[in-house]
Amino acid sequence: MNKKDLSIPFNAPLNPQDTELQTYGCRANNPDICGNNGLPNVCAFSSEDCICKKPSRAWKKQYHKLKD
């Protein structure tokens, strides 16, 4: 999977793998300035499962907004 496929808009509908603490793909507005970009098994771009294990602090609130 390439980087473009894993860049998911912050307001996009939830994926089945999304939780309060993780997202499928990267939902950062600018992944290039994310402090976790490229970290193995943390960043969606460098994990085999394409899961971001450390989304932004705003993600938890956004998750609940999208869930409802």
Protein backbone atom coordinates (compact mmCIF):
# COMPACT_ATOMS: atom_id res chain seq x y z
CA MET A 1 0.00 0.00 0.00
CA ASN A 2 1.33 3.43 -0.80
CA LYS A 3 1.36 6.59 1.28
CA LYS A 4 -1.54 8.16 -0.62
CA ASP A 5 -3.82 5.18 0.16
CA LEU A 6 -3.06 5.46 3.88
CA SER A 7 -3.69 9.20 4.17
CA ILE A 8 -7.26 9.34 5.41
CA PRO A 9 -9.06 12.66 5.94
CA PHE A 10 -9.71 13.53 9.60
CA ASN A 11 -13.47 13.78 8.92
CA ALA A 12 -13.76 10.59 6.84
CA PRO A 13 -16.17 7.90 8.09
CA LEU A 14 -14.77 5.43 10.59
CA ASN A 15 -13.04 2.25 9.50
CA PRO A 16 -13.75 -1.01 11.37
CA GLN A 17 -10.22 -0.91 12.86
CA ASP A 18 -10.63 2.62 14.28
CA THR A 19 -10.88 3.01 18.05
CA GLU A 20 -10.34 5.87 20.51
CA LEU A 21 -6.67 4.93 20.67
CA GLN A 22 -5.80 3.96 17.09
CA THR A 23 -6.77 4.64 13.49
CA TYR A 24 -6.54 2.66 10.30
CA GLY A 25 -4.19 4.71 8.14
CA CYS A 26 -3.03 8.20 9.02
CA ARG A 27 -5.57 10.90 9.87
CA ALA A 28 -3.01 13.63 10.52
CA ASN A 29 -3.65 16.81 8.53
CA ASN A 30 0.05 16.92 7.65
CA PRO A 31 1.75 13.55 8.25
CA ASP A 32 5.16 15.01 7.37
CA ILE A 33 5.25 17.03 10.60
CA CYS A 34 3.83 14.29 12.83
CA GLY A 35 6.30 13.44 15.60
CA ASN A 36 5.53 9.73 15.19
CA ASN A 37 5.92 9.65 11.39
CA GLY A 38 7.98 6.65 10.36
CA LEU A 39 8.21 5.03 13.80
CA PRO A 40 8.03 1.25 13.37
CA ASN A 41 4.86 -0.30 14.82
CA VAL A 42 3.53 3.16 15.80
CA CYS A 43 3.05 4.98 12.48
CA ALA A 44 0.54 3.62 9.95
CA PHE A 45 3.06 4.19 7.15
CA SER A 46 5.63 1.88 8.75
CA SER A 47 3.41 -0.78 10.34
CA GLU A 48 2.45 -3.96 8.54
CA ASP A 49 -1.15 -3.63 9.74
CA CYS A 50 -1.40 0.02 8.54
CA ILE A 51 -2.62 1.10 11.99
CA CYS A 52 -1.57 4.38 13.60
CA LYS A 53 -1.09 3.56 17.28
CA LYS A 54 -0.61 7.20 18.35
CA PRO A 55 -3.15 9.49 16.66
CA SER A 56 -3.41 13.17 17.58
CA ARG A 57 -4.94 14.22 20.89
CA ALA A 58 -7.95 15.52 18.97
CA TRP A 59 -8.69 12.05 17.61
CA LYS A 60 -10.53 10.75 20.69
CA LYS A 61 -13.12 13.55 20.45
CA GLN A 62 -13.38 13.13 16.66
CA TYR A 63 -13.85 9.38 17.05
CA HIS A 64 -16.88 9.88 19.31
CA LYS A 65 -18.27 12.53 16.96
CA LEU A 66 -18.00 10.18 13.97
CA LYS A 67 -19.34 7.23 15.95
CA ASP A 68 -22.60 8.99 16.85
